[in-house]
Structure formats: C-alpha cells, structure tokens
C-alpha atoms as a PDB file:
ATOM      1  CA  MET A   1      76.096-146.350  96.890  1.00  0.00           C
ATOM      2  CA  SER A   2      79.552-145.568  95.352  1.00  0.00           C
ATOM      3  CA  LEU A   3      80.083-142.737  92.798  1.00  0.00           C
ATOM      4  CA  GLN A   4      80.998-145.500  90.174  1.00  0.00           C
ATOM      5  CA  LYS A   5      77.476-147.443  90.647  1.00  0.00           C
ATOM      6  CA  LYS A   6      75.656-143.995  90.573  1.00  0.00           C
ATOM      7  CA  ASN A   7      77.268-143.390  87.053  1.00  0.00           C
ATOM      8  CA  GLU A   8      76.559-146.930  85.851  1.00  0.00           C
ATOM      9  CA  ILE A   9      72.736-146.484  86.693  1.00  0.00           C
ATOM     10  CA  LEU A  10      72.461-143.296  85.124  1.00  0.00           C
ATOM     11  CA  SER A  11      74.272-144.112  82.174  1.00  0.00           C
ATOM     12  CA  SER A  12      72.065-146.911  81.532  1.00  0.00           C
ATOM     13  CA  PRO A  13      69.044-145.835  78.897  1.00  0.00           C
ATOM     14  CA  LEU A  14      66.594-147.920  80.734  1.00  0.00           C
ATOM     15  CA  ASN A  15      67.304-146.738  84.309  1.00  0.00           C
ATOM     16  CA  TRP A  16      67.379-143.204  83.065  1.00  0.00           C
ATOM     17  CA  SER A  17      63.989-143.450  81.521  1.00  0.00           C
ATOM     18  CA  ILE A  18      62.721-144.939  84.703  1.00  0.00           C
ATOM     19  CA  PHE A  19      64.220-142.254  86.850  1.00  0.00           C
ATOM     20  CA  VAL A  20      62.557-139.482  84.678  1.00  0.00           C
ATOM     21  CA  GLN A  21      59.170-141.048  84.337  1.00  0.00           C
ATOM     22  CA  SER A  22      58.982-141.595  88.022  1.00  0.00           C
ATOM     23  CA  ASN A  23      59.787-137.828  88.664  1.00  0.00           C
ATOM     24  CA  VAL A  24      56.693-136.689  86.971  1.00  0.00           C
ATOM     25  CA  LYS A  25      54.736-138.337  89.723  1.00  0.00           C
ATOM     26  CA  HIS A  26      56.155-135.978  92.368  1.00  0.00           C
ATOM     27  CA  TYR A  27      54.184-133.170  93.839  1.00  0.00           C
ATOM     28  CA  SER A  28      55.874-130.335  91.624  1.00  0.00           C
ATOM     29  CA  ALA A  29      56.385-131.653  88.219  1.00  0.00           C
ATOM     30  CA  ALA A  30      54.775-129.170  85.770  1.00  0.00           C
ATOM     31  CA  GLU A  31      56.522-129.009  82.304  1.00  0.00           C
ATOM     32  CA  ASN A  32      56.135-125.060  82.403  1.00  0.00           C
ATOM     33  CA  ASP A  33      57.867-124.509  85.677  1.00  0.00           C
ATOM     34  CA  THR A  34      60.291-121.581  85.823  1.00  0.00           C
ATOM     35  CA  ASP A  35      63.387-121.049  88.013  1.00  0.00           C
ATOM     36  CA  TYR A  36      64.368-117.310  88.892  1.00  0.00           C
ATOM     37  CA  MET A  37      67.348-117.523  91.096  1.00  0.00           C
ATOM     38  CA  GLY A  38      66.094-118.662  94.693  1.00  0.00           C
ATOM     39  CA  LEU A  39      62.591-118.293  93.295  1.00  0.00           C
ATOM     40  CA  LYS A  40      60.725-121.189  91.276  1.00  0.00           C
ATOM     41  CA  ILE A  41      57.284-120.513  89.662  1.00  0.00           C
ATOM     42  CA  GLU A  42      55.153-123.531  89.439  1.00  0.00           C
ATOM     43  CA  TRP A  43      52.461-122.812  86.911  1.00  0.00           C
ATOM     44  CA  ARG A  44      49.079-124.508  87.807  1.00  0.00           C
ATOM     45  CA  ASP A  45      46.389-125.704  85.374  1.00  0.00           C
ATOM     46  CA  ALA A  46      48.619-125.129  82.056  1.00  0.00           C
ATOM     47  CA  HIS A  47      48.940-121.487  82.823  1.00  0.00           C
ATOM     48  CA  THR A  48      52.192-119.895  81.535  1.00  0.00           C
ATOM     49  CA  GLU A  49      51.508-116.255  82.276  1.00  0.00           C
ATOM     50  CA  LEU A  50      49.561-113.971  84.553  1.00  0.00           C
ATOM     51  CA  GLY A  51      47.618-112.277  81.761  1.00  0.00           C
ATOM     52  CA  GLU A  52      45.580-109.159  81.866  1.00  0.00           C
ATOM     53  CA  HIS A  53      44.294-107.854  85.271  1.00  0.00           C
ATOM     54  CA  ALA A  54      43.192-104.704  87.096  1.00  0.00           C
ATOM     55  CA  MET A  55      45.711-104.941  89.914  1.00  0.00           C
ATOM     56  CA  MET A  56      47.326-107.299  92.436  1.00  0.00           C
ATOM     57  CA  PHE A  57      46.681-107.710  96.118  1.00  0.00           C
ATOM     58  CA  PHE A  58      49.276-109.307  98.691  1.00  0.00           C
ATOM     59  CA  ALA A  59      48.970-110.256 102.201  1.00  0.00           C
ATOM     60  CA  LEU A  60      50.611-112.393 104.967  1.00  0.00           C
ATOM     61  CA  PRO A  61      49.671-113.180 108.485  1.00  0.00           C
ATOM     62  CA  GLY A  62      50.097-110.002 110.527  1.00  0.00           C
ATOM     63  CA  VAL A  63      48.759-107.763 112.800  1.00  0.00           C
ATOM     64  CA  GLY A  64      45.089-108.944 113.451  1.00  0.00           C
ATOM     65  CA  ASN A  65      45.595-111.196 110.488  1.00  0.00           C
ATOM     66  CA  VAL A  66      43.546-108.147 108.556  1.00  0.00           C
ATOM     67  CA  GLY A  67      44.931-108.522 104.962  1.00  0.00           C
ATOM     68  CA  LYS A  68      45.298-112.390 105.033  1.00  0.00           C
ATOM     69  CA  VAL A  69      41.870-112.802 106.293  1.00  0.00           C
ATOM     70  CA  ALA A  70      40.654-110.109 103.638  1.00  0.00           C
ATOM     71  CA  LEU A  71      42.351-111.997 100.828  1.00  0.00           C
ATOM     72  CA  GLU A  72      41.082-115.324 102.006  1.00  0.00           C
ATOM     73  CA  GLY A  73      37.643-113.887 102.029  1.00  0.00           C
ATOM     74  CA  LEU A  74      37.957-112.091  98.716  1.00  0.00           C
ATOM     75  CA  ASN A  75      38.966-115.486  97.156  1.00  0.00           C
ATOM     76  CA  SER A  76      36.016-117.462  98.635  1.00  0.00           C
ATOM     77  CA  CYS A  77      33.382-115.073  97.779  1.00  0.00           C
ATOM     78  CA  HIS A  78      34.314-114.992  93.895  1.00  0.00           C
ATOM     79  CA  LEU A  79      34.851-117.256  90.985  1.00  0.00           C
ATOM     80  CA  SER A  80      38.499-117.901  91.443  1.00  0.00           C
ATOM     81  CA  HIS A  81      41.500-120.372  90.492  1.00  0.00           C
ATOM     82  CA  GLU A  82      45.048-120.751  91.344  1.00  0.00           C
ATOM     83  CA  ILE A  83      47.302-119.668  88.611  1.00  0.00           C
ATOM     84  CA  ALA A  84      50.722-120.316  90.173  1.00  0.00           C
ATOM     85  CA  ARG A  85      52.624-121.173  93.312  1.00  0.00           C
ATOM     86  CA  LEU A  86      55.718-119.375  94.182  1.00  0.00           C
ATOM     87  CA  HIS A  87      58.417-121.338  95.755  1.00  0.00           C
ATOM     88  CA  HIS A  88      61.591-119.769  97.305  1.00  0.00           C
ATOM     89  CA  THR A  89      64.596-121.396  99.082  1.00  0.00           C
ATOM     90  CA  ALA A  90      64.349-118.786 101.908  1.00  0.00           C
ATOM     91  CA  LEU A  91      60.817-119.915 103.343  1.00  0.00           C
ATOM     92  CA  PRO A  92      60.821-121.864 106.565  1.00  0.00           C
ATOM     93  CA  PRO A  93      61.119-125.649 105.736  1.00  0.00           C
ATOM     94  CA  LEU A  94      57.615-126.511 106.420  1.00  0.00           C
ATOM     95  CA  ALA A  95      55.781-128.900 103.926  1.00  0.00           C
ATOM     96  CA  MET A  96      52.034-128.933 104.480  1.00  0.00           C
ATOM     97  CA  LEU A  97      49.127-130.715 102.839  1.00  0.00           C
ATOM     98  CA  ASP A  98      47.270-128.875 100.279  1.00  0.00           C
ATOM     99  CA  GLU A  99      43.678-128.921  99.186  1.00  0.00           C
ATOM    100  CA  ASP A 100      44.181-131.938  97.212  1.00  0.00           C
ATOM    101  CA  GLY A 101      45.806-133.935  99.887  1.00  0.00           C
ATOM    102  CA  LEU A 102      49.137-133.754  98.540  1.00  0.00           C
ATOM    103  CA  LEU A 103      52.358-132.692 100.691  1.00  0.00           C
ATOM    104  CA  ALA A 104      53.292-129.428  99.371  1.00  0.00           C
ATOM    105  CA  PRO A 105      56.633-127.558  99.775  1.00  0.00           C
ATOM    106  CA  PRO A 106      56.526-124.118 101.258  1.00  0.00           C
ATOM    107  CA  HIS A 107      55.079-121.363  99.010  1.00  0.00           C
ATOM    108  CA  LEU A 108      52.999-118.305  98.060  1.00  0.00           C
ATOM    109  CA  SER A 109      49.726-119.125  96.183  1.00  0.00           C
ATOM    110  CA  LEU A 110      48.800-116.753  93.031  1.00  0.00           C
ATOM    111  CA  THR A 111      45.148-116.863  92.478  1.00  0.00           C
ATOM    112  CA  SER A 112      42.893-114.935  89.823  1.00  0.00           C
ATOM    113  CA  ILE A 113      39.320-113.908  90.832  1.00  0.00           C
ATOM    114  CA  GLU A 114      36.729-112.197  88.829  1.00  0.00           C
ATOM    115  CA  SER A 115      34.376-109.583  90.268  1.00  0.00           C
ATOM    116  CA  VAL A 116      30.833-109.463  89.758  1.00  0.00           C
ATOM    117  CA  THR A 117      31.296-106.474  87.377  1.00  0.00           C
ATOM    118  CA  GLY A 118      33.939-108.765  85.235  1.00  0.00           C
ATOM    119  CA  ILE A 119      37.221-107.041  86.701  1.00  0.00           C
ATOM    120  CA  ARG A 120      40.130-109.503  86.889  1.00  0.00           C
ATOM    121  CA  ILE A 121      42.218-109.229  90.328  1.00  0.00           C
ATOM    122  CA  LEU A 122      45.089-111.090  91.324  1.00  0.00           C
ATOM    123  CA  THR A 123      45.876-112.112  94.997  1.00  0.00           C
ATOM    124  CA  LEU A 124      49.209-113.247  96.298  1.00  0.00           C
ATOM    125  CA  THR A 125      49.256-114.827  99.739  1.00  0.00           C
ATOM    126  CA  GLY A 126      50.992-117.330 101.851  1.00  0.00           C
ATOM    127  CA  THR A 127      51.284-118.527 105.631  1.00  0.00           C
ATOM    128  CA  SER A 128      54.915-117.754 106.195  1.00  0.00           C
ATOM    129  CA  GLN A 129      57.949-115.615 105.210  1.00  0.00           C
ATOM    130  CA  PRO A 130      61.695-115.950 105.775  1.00  0.00           C
ATOM    131  CA  LEU A 131      62.889-115.227 109.182  1.00  0.00           C
ATOM    132  CA  GLU A 132      66.082-113.734 108.355  1.00  0.00           C
ATOM    133  CA  PRO A 133      66.111-110.023 107.289  1.00  0.00           C
ATOM    134  CA  GLU A 134      68.494-110.484 104.360  1.00  0.00           C
ATOM    135  CA  HIS A 135      66.462-113.489 103.074  1.00  0.00           C
ATOM    136  CA  GLN A 136      63.244-111.413 103.189  1.00  0.00           C
ATOM    137  CA  GLY A 137      65.124-108.815 101.290  1.00  0.00           C
ATOM    138  CA  SER A 138      66.306-111.220  98.428  1.00  0.00           C
ATOM    139  CA  MET A 139      62.966-112.853  98.179  1.00  0.00           C
ATOM    140  CA  ALA A 140      60.870-109.472  97.941  1.00  0.00           C
ATOM    141  CA  ARG A 141      63.495-108.471  95.033  1.00  0.00           C
ATOM    142  CA  GLU A 142      63.224-111.671  93.223  1.00  0.00           C
ATOM    143  CA  ILE A 143      59.295-111.635  93.572  1.00  0.00           C
ATOM    144  CA  MET A 144      59.042-107.959  92.334  1.00  0.00           C
ATOM    145  CA  HIS A 145      61.484-108.714  89.200  1.00  0.00           C
ATOM    146  CA  TRP A 146      59.285-111.450  88.137  1.00  0.00           C
ATOM    147  CA  LEU A 147      56.201-109.537  88.620  1.00  0.00           C
ATOM    148  CA  HIS A 148      57.494-106.728  86.495  1.00  0.00           C
ATOM    149  CA  SER A 149      58.418-109.358  83.797  1.00  0.00           C
ATOM    150  CA  GLN A 150      54.860-110.485  83.966  1.00  0.00           C
ATOM    151  CA  GLY A 151      53.433-107.090  83.319  1.00  0.00           C
ATOM    152  CA  VAL A 152      52.142-106.209  86.770  1.00  0.00           C
ATOM    153  CA  LYS A 153      51.708-102.508  87.207  1.00  0.00           C
ATOM    154  CA  SER A 154      49.987-102.159  90.537  1.00  0.00           C
ATOM    155  CA  LEU A 155      50.438-103.984  93.783  1.00  0.00           C
ATOM    156  CA  TYR A 156      48.596-103.299  96.933  1.00  0.00           C
ATOM    157  CA  VAL A 157      49.565-105.100 100.261  1.00  0.00           C
ATOM    158  CA  LEU A 158      46.664-105.489 102.626  1.00  0.00           C
ATOM    159  CA  ALA A 159      47.710-105.065 106.411  1.00  0.00           C
ATOM    160  CA  GLY A 160      46.471-103.973 109.748  1.00  0.00           C
ATOM    161  CA  LEU A 161      47.815-101.338 112.125  1.00  0.00           C
ATOM    162  CA  MET A 162      47.569-101.698 115.695  1.00  0.00           C
ATOM    163  CA  ASP A 163      45.612 -98.619 117.266  1.00  0.00           C
ATOM    164  CA  ALA A 164      43.084 -97.584 119.889  1.00  0.00           C
ATOM    165  CA  PRO A 165      39.660 -99.654 119.655  1.00  0.00           C
ATOM    166  CA  THR A 166      37.907 -96.355 119.107  1.00  0.00           C
ATOM    167  CA  ARG A 167      39.953 -95.519 115.898  1.00  0.00           C
ATOM    168  CA  LYS A 168      38.482 -97.235 112.951  1.00  0.00           C
ATOM    169  CA  GLU A 169      40.207 -95.952 109.941  1.00  0.00           C
ATOM    170  CA  THR A 170      41.345 -97.197 106.399  1.00  0.00           C
ATOM    171  CA  PHE A 171      43.757 -95.677 104.267  1.00  0.00           C
ATOM    172  CA  ILE A 172      46.599 -96.213 101.794  1.00  0.00           C
ATOM    173  CA  VAL A 173      50.374 -95.347 101.997  1.00  0.00           C
ATOM    174  CA  ALA A 174      51.989 -94.930  98.523  1.00  0.00           C
ATOM    175  CA  SER A 175      55.769 -95.575  97.765  1.00  0.00           C
ATOM    176  CA  ASN A 176      56.130 -92.855  95.065  1.00  0.00           C
ATOM    177  CA  SER A 177      54.993 -89.387  94.651  1.00  0.00           C
ATOM    178  CA  SER A 178      53.353 -89.600  91.173  1.00  0.00           C
ATOM    179  CA  HIS A 179      51.009 -92.789  92.217  1.00  0.00           C
ATOM    180  CA  ARG A 180      50.242 -90.917  95.352  1.00  0.00           C
ATOM    181  CA  ILE A 181      48.840 -87.924  93.295  1.00  0.00           C
ATOM    182  CA  ASP A 182      46.903 -90.226  91.197  1.00  0.00           C
ATOM    183  CA  LEU A 183      45.518 -91.999  94.217  1.00  0.00           C
ATOM    184  CA  GLU A 184      44.463 -88.678  95.640  1.00  0.00           C
ATOM    185  CA  SER A 185      42.723 -87.600  92.500  1.00  0.00           C
ATOM    186  CA  MET A 186      40.585 -90.643  92.713  1.00  0.00           C
ATOM    187  CA  GLY A 187      39.461 -89.844  96.245  1.00  0.00           C
ATOM    188  CA  VAL A 188      41.369 -92.509  97.963  1.00  0.00           C
ATOM    189  CA  ASP A 189      42.382 -91.580 101.513  1.00  0.00           C
ATOM    190  CA  VAL A 190      46.117 -91.488 101.264  1.00  0.00           C
ATOM    191  CA  ARG A 191      48.306 -90.737 104.276  1.00  0.00           C
ATOM    192  CA  ARG A 192      51.760 -89.153 104.458  1.00  0.00           C
ATOM    193  CA  ASN A 193      52.292 -89.275 108.173  1.00  0.00           C
ATOM    194  CA  GLU A 194      51.591 -93.007 108.772  1.00  0.00           C
ATOM    195  CA  PRO A 195      52.831 -95.400 109.916  1.00  0.00           C
ATOM    196  CA  LYS A 196      55.022 -93.295 112.030  1.00  0.00           C
ATOM    197  CA  SER A 197      57.547 -95.839 113.039  1.00  0.00           C
ATOM    198  CA  GLY A 198      57.674 -97.432 109.605  1.00  0.00           C
ATOM    199  CA  ALA A 199      56.962-101.206 109.000  1.00  0.00           C
ATOM    200  CA  ILE A 200      59.111-104.346 108.701  1.00  0.00           C
ATOM    201  CA  GLY A 201      58.856-107.790 107.011  1.00  0.00           C
ATOM    202  CA  LEU A 202      58.422-109.254 103.522  1.00  0.00           C
ATOM    203  CA  ALA A 203      55.073-107.441 103.144  1.00  0.00           C
ATOM    204  CA  ALA A 204      56.488-103.966 104.022  1.00  0.00           C
ATOM    205  CA  LEU A 205      59.309-104.563 101.515  1.00  0.00           C
ATOM    206  CA  LEU A 206      56.935-105.459  98.802  1.00  0.00           C
ATOM    207  CA  ALA A 207      54.863-102.481  99.456  1.00  0.00           C
ATOM    208  CA  SER A 208      57.859-100.045  99.349  1.00  0.00           C
ATOM    209  CA  ILE A 209      60.154-101.317  96.599  1.00  0.00           C
ATOM    210  CA  GLY A 210      57.736-101.285  93.649  1.00  0.00           C
ATOM    211  CA  PRO A 211      59.208 -98.062  92.183  1.00  0.00           C
ATOM    212  CA  LEU A 212      62.618 -99.832  91.871  1.00  0.00           C
ATOM    213  CA  PHE A 213      60.742-102.249  89.279  1.00  0.00           C
ATOM    214  CA  GLN A 214      58.415 -99.838  87.525  1.00  0.00           C
ATOM    215  CA  ILE A 215      55.509-101.200  89.764  1.00  0.00           C
ATOM    216  CA  ASN A 216      53.089 -98.896  91.657  1.00  0.00           C
ATOM    217  CA  SER A 217      53.301-100.572  95.108  1.00  0.00           C
ATOM    218  CA  ALA A 218      51.577 -99.413  98.151  1.00  0.00           C
ATOM    219  CA  CYS A 219      50.066-100.395 101.447  1.00  0.00           C
ATOM    220  CA  ALA A 220      46.226-100.357 102.098  1.00  0.00           C
ATOM    221  CA  ILE A 221      45.890-100.330 106.060  1.00  0.00           C
ATOM    222  CA  ALA A 222      42.999-100.689 108.196  1.00  0.00           C
ATOM    223  CA  THR A 223      43.504 -99.868 111.992  1.00  0.00           C
ATOM    224  CA  THR A 224      43.039-102.581 114.506  1.00  0.00           C
ATOM    225  CA  VAL A 225      43.279-103.685 118.124  1.00  0.00           C
ATOM    226  CA  GLY A 226      45.603-105.939 116.909  1.00  0.00           C
ATOM    227  CA  SER A 227      45.658-108.324 119.857  1.00  0.00           C
ATOM    228  CA  SER A 228      43.370-110.794 118.181  1.00  0.00           C
ATOM    229  CA  GLY A 229      41.871-111.358 114.717  1.00  0.00           C
ATOM    230  CA  ASP A 230      39.776-108.489 113.646  1.00  0.00           C
ATOM    231  CA  VAL A 231      37.265-109.408 110.826  1.00  0.00           C
ATOM    232  CA  PHE A 232      35.604-106.150 111.195  1.00  0.00           C
ATOM    233  CA  ALA A 233      38.898-104.446 110.028  1.00  0.00           C
ATOM    234  CA  SER A 234      39.241-106.874 107.312  1.00  0.00           C
ATOM    235  CA  GLN A 235      35.750-106.360 106.074  1.00  0.00           C
ATOM    236  CA  ARG A 236      36.549-102.677 106.222  1.00  0.00           C
ATOM    237  CA  LEU A 237      39.350-102.903 104.303  1.00  0.00           C
ATOM    238  CA  LEU A 238      37.578-104.765 101.463  1.00  0.00           C
ATOM    239  CA  GLU A 239      34.834-102.303 101.373  1.00  0.00           C
ATOM    240  CA  ALA A 240      37.076 -99.325 101.026  1.00  0.00           C
ATOM    241  CA  LEU A 241      39.295-101.009  98.321  1.00  0.00           C
ATOM    242  CA  ASP A 242      35.931-101.779  96.341  1.00  0.00           C
ATOM    243  CA  LYS A 243      34.784 -97.945  96.849  1.00  0.00           C
ATOM    244  CA  TRP A 244      38.155 -96.349  95.802  1.00  0.00           C
ATOM    245  CA  PHE A 245      38.713 -98.607  92.769  1.00  0.00           C
ATOM    246  CA  ASN A 246      35.116 -99.646  91.857  1.00  0.00           C
ATOM    247  CA  LEU A 247      36.131-103.200  91.662  1.00  0.00           C
ATOM    248  CA  GLY A 248      32.747-104.818  91.977  1.00  0.00           C
ATOM    249  CA  ILE A 249      33.527-106.960  94.919  1.00  0.00           C
ATOM    250  CA  ALA A 250      30.673-108.915  96.032  1.00  0.00           C
ATOM    251  CA  LEU A 251      30.554-109.252  99.789  1.00  0.00           C
ATOM    252  CA  PRO A 252      27.723-111.686 101.122  1.00  0.00           C
ATOM    253  CA  SER A 253      25.501-110.735 103.801  1.00  0.00           C
ATOM    254  CA  ASP A 254      27.141-113.154 106.059  1.00  0.00           C
ATOM    255  CA  ILE A 255      30.813-111.985 105.298  1.00  0.00           C
ATOM    256  CA  GLN A 256      31.613-111.642 108.899  1.00  0.00           C
ATOM    257  CA  SER A 257      31.001-115.227 109.619  1.00  0.00           C
ATOM    258  CA  LYS A 258      32.948-116.246 106.525  1.00  0.00           C
ATOM    259  CA  LEU A 259      35.917-114.043 107.647  1.00  0.00           C
ATOM    260  CA  THR A 260      35.652-115.527 111.078  1.00  0.00           C
ATOM    261  CA  GLU A 261      35.720-118.905 109.723  1.00  0.00           C
ATOM    262  CA  LYS A 262      38.953-118.089 107.575  1.00  0.00           C
ATOM    263  CA  LEU A 263      40.459-116.404 110.813  1.00  0.00           C
ATOM    264  CA  SER A 264      39.935-119.575 112.946  1.00  0.00           C
ATOM    265  CA  LYS A 265      42.033-121.628 110.388  1.00  0.00           C
ATOM    266  CA  LEU A 266      45.042-119.093 110.507  1.00  0.00           C
ATOM    267  CA  ALA A 267      45.404-118.149 114.135  1.00  0.00           C
ATOM    268  CA  PRO A 268      47.614-120.260 116.050  1.00  0.00           C
ATOM    269  CA  THR A 269      47.026-121.315 119.746  1.00  0.00           C
ATOM    270  CA  ASN A 270      50.379-119.941 120.651  1.00  0.00           C
ATOM    271  CA  ALA A 271      52.006-117.547 118.044  1.00  0.00           C
ATOM    272  CA  PRO A 272      55.557-116.792 118.539  1.00  0.00           C
ATOM    273  CA  ASP A 273      56.763-113.001 118.642  1.00  0.00           C
ATOM    274  CA  LEU A 274      59.731-112.808 116.158  1.00  0.00           C
ATOM    275  CA  VAL A 275      59.672-109.046 115.904  1.00  0.00           C
ATOM    276  CA  SER A 276      62.609-108.544 118.104  1.00  0.00           C
ATOM    277  CA  GLU A 277      64.647-110.895 116.198  1.00  0.00           C
ATOM    278  CA  LEU A 278      63.868-109.116 112.658  1.00  0.00           C
ATOM    279  CA  THR A 279      64.405-105.446 113.522  1.00  0.00           C
ATOM    280  CA  GLU A 280      66.382-102.954 115.582  1.00  0.00           C
ATOM    281  CA  SER A 281      63.360-100.677 115.401  1.00  0.00           C
ATOM    282  CA  PRO A 282      60.987-101.879 118.004  1.00  0.00           C
ATOM    283  CA  ASP A 283      58.378 -99.200 117.185  1.00  0.00           C
ATOM    284  CA  ALA A 284      57.894-100.323 113.649  1.00  0.00           C
ATOM    285  CA  PHE A 285      54.867-102.467 112.888  1.00  0.00           C
ATOM    286  CA  TYR A 286      55.019-105.854 111.633  1.00  0.00           C
ATOM    287  CA  MET A 287      53.045-106.326 108.319  1.00  0.00           C
END
C-alpha cells in the first residue's frame, strides 16, 4: 500500500474510528497501561497502582527452579490475583497462551496474595529473561525505577544455590549494610561470605541494585543439588521466610505434591545452558 493511500485511510474519520475500535479487541488494550522506556506496564482488572504491601518476592527459573517453584506454590496456596504484567522489549520474542487462552506477549506477572494472617505480599515472576547482559542490565534498572515509583521498599529474590546433597541451608544475602543489620536483629540467617563466586542474571541484578533506588533488595537462598528440580529446597525456603518475617504463609500438608506439579510444568526436557554466553566468570552461579 502506498504512503498516499495510507494517509487517505487514516485521514478519513470513519476509517480512523474503525481502526481505534478494532484495536481494543487486541490482547493488551487496557486504558491505564503505562509506558516506561523499554518497559510497558499492563495493569490488570482495573488496578492502577501496587498499593500497600509488606514486601515483594521475585524469582525466575534457575538452579533447581527453587525460587520459581516456591513462588508458584505460594501463589497457588493463597488467595491471589494478578495486578499487572510487565512487558519489556528485551525479553525473548516468544508469545504463549495465557490462562484465558489468549496469545500473550512475553512478560513478567505481578501478583498480590494475602496470607492467613492478612499480610499482603506481592510476587513477581516470569518464564524467561533477556539473553544479552546489557539487556538484562537495562531491564533490571527500569523495573527497579518503576518499583521505586510505586512505593516498593523491600524486594527479596528467591533462588537456589548448588551445593552438596548433605548441605541443607537457607539464608539471606543483603545488598546494603543497614538492611543487613536490621535482618540480623530479627534473627535472620544473613551470610557475608556467600555466594563466594557471585551471581549472574536478571535476578542477581535485581537483588543487588536495590540501594541505588532506595529499595532494600536481597537474595533469599536455599542450597540444592541443582541438577534437577528440588521441591524440598523450595519448601524449606518458604518455611524460612515465614519464620523470619512472620508472614502467616499457609503451606498445606500436601505442599510437596503441589510443588512437584508446578515443577513438572516448568522443567523442559532439554534445557539449554546459556551461562557461558552470559558471563566471563564461570564460577558464578546463575540465579
């Protein structure tokens, strides 16, 4: 179609009206959507802000899928609803069907849950992250800037750390000294010497750059054998967080079977190893 023909179509009031009307039927057409550089916030169910909450948890598929499975289990065991979806241009271009059977562009899902004691917790998770390090950095900064604008004060990244099968530990690594002191005063197991070789990936960036945006960011880690999904480490991580922060998380008696079910939906048959492409530090663990 020529440029002149396009201009004629768009200049016609009737055709312009049809174009706008048809667009509202597309997947992402909420009136309150917000663009933020490469990040687009799609508010769900008439939400326009995050609102009051105790803290936010974040996780992506990683070592043993510990953090990701923990969040999926947490969401499924409590009253929860999706507040927003975070779309970013750096995410791999894979559109997938969502729970409504609609073809959804790649995104992170932000969900609100309420514990049995009435504490409101936000969870942010997805199925992928940018493959290029510079894109991971830009996405992390834009997410944190937006979270700061929404009043988020505490962000905990949930992850697994590969270790010997006999070692079953859970701890937190802080990103600023004052927050670390606060955590230690609460009886939280805070480590200063792990992970010894550092961490890489979008989750690692979010766990570490919080102080740049006035957010207390930290990483909550459960050790795992790492070679396969570890639902026991996921359960141990949730129990530790509940104990440390008195969240009132309700874990049903069949939590292991629920976590196993979540894991089976996450674990691909042949997962590509992209670590060597993302970092020059082969000893760092991928969060």
